[in-house]
């Protein structure tokens, strides 16, 4: 194998490991924030905040572990459109419940 190619593979592997470590750290931090919000007993606002944090965690998993950030913009938009529509439906449900 070409020595230059070997060094390139080592560099890519270290970058990949660092990316996964960073993604893991973000997930741990978001989990800690979720636990912190739970201990504040914010009522319905706590539920909304927890849903936002859960959505961010799902986004981290999609981008890094499912490699969505390496896909084309078209595929990203095709995948994210239903996610935004679901968010809109959940948001409208919250508005309906709050004003009853």
Foldseek 3Di string as FASTA:
>chain_A
DDPVVVVVVVVVVVVLVVLVVVLVVLLVVLVVVLVVLVVVCPDPVNVVVNVVSVVVNVVSCCVRVVVPVVDDPVVNCVVCVVVVVVVVVVVVVVVVVVVD
